[in-house]
Amino acid sequence: MFENALLIDAAGQPTQRHHQAFSQDWDRIKEWSDSVYMPYTVTPIGKRLQPASEMYSASVGRIDITRFCYGIPVTVGECSPEAGNILVLTTVRGNGRHDLGDGSAVDTAVGETFVADCSRTDYFVEFDDDHLQLNLTVPHQLVAEYAQQWYGLVPDDRLWQHKCSIGGRGSSWLALMDYVVRAVAESPEALSRERLGVRVEELITAQLLEEWAAQAGLQLSAGIDSAEPVYVRAAEDYIDTFARSVPTASEIAVAAGVSVRALTAGFRRYRDTTPSQLLRERRLAGVRSELLLADGRTVSDIANSWGYVNLGMFAASYRKRFGELPSQTRLRT
């Protein structure tokens, strides 16, 4: 699934915007890996001592996504806790053996992912000679902030110190990673700097929290009360005001004064919908109202002004909602 991740753009051409390199120089590899992961130690396994490393990276908001291998079997460990990073490692090729700290280990084959918060626990892993990884470097503080926004609490070390596998073939996590890779290929600058990057960053973090907590046996949403109608109304007002700028779920919840989970529970209870579904409805309705104005703008201009980047997906959503294409609506003016 990820054989070409970060190698080619949406047009099938070699990428030009991502940090990329091939190296057999340990110092150069260390400089790169220290910057995108954190300082750690790496030791060759066996007789082959010279690496043949691939190093590609891109940014999704505050998350680094990397394509990396050493080209020889290695042991990695002694990760710097001061860097404050969580590693989310997905095996693209070969095998990784991740130490659980209790004398046991977990192997990750192709399509499997392992999570370790290197700011809170020791982490060691062995990679075979054919290994290739698609990794995320996620700041611990970022996940803690989203947990507070989504669940109204910051998890304790029962989560942070829990090292485990998540996802796997056919999983929603792997499907999300596929989406992220495709999004980077299509809009690398937008993913690193613009609001699209913030939205995808939130998707990644929310899914990571759900998967990770499930493996740790934690119910992050336990004890969250449904939002009172006043919070729901505040959220509705915020969505109506800022729908054009496509606020994230966290931004809507902050404006309403509750966590994302509490707000979602309130919307389901009192409106039989969700904040994201209401936002989608408001945006489509906003586009439609402007398409019916004879102001000379194109369909693309209007869609873009409401935050739609992929016009094909926008047209499909619009047709599903209103039973006609945006261009057909425009012809009425």
Foldseek 3Di string as FASTA:
>chain_A
DCPCQQQAFPVRHGDDPWDWDWDQDPVVVQVQCCVQANHWDKAFDDDDDTWGKIWTWAAQAPKIKIKIDRLAKMKIWPGDLVVQKKKKKAWQAFWKWKDLPPPHTDIHHHFKIKIAGVNQEIIMMITHNTTIITMMIGGNVVLQVLLCQAQVHGDDVLQNSGIDMFAGPPGPLSVLVVVVSNCCSHCRPCRHDNVSSVQSVSVNSVVVVVRSCVVSVHDSNPPQAADDVQLLVQLVVVLLVCLLVPDHLSVSSVSSPHHSNNDQNNCCVPPVGGSVVSSVVSLLVQLLVVLQDPPPDDSVVSNVSSPDDPVVVVQVVNCVVPVDGSVVSNVND
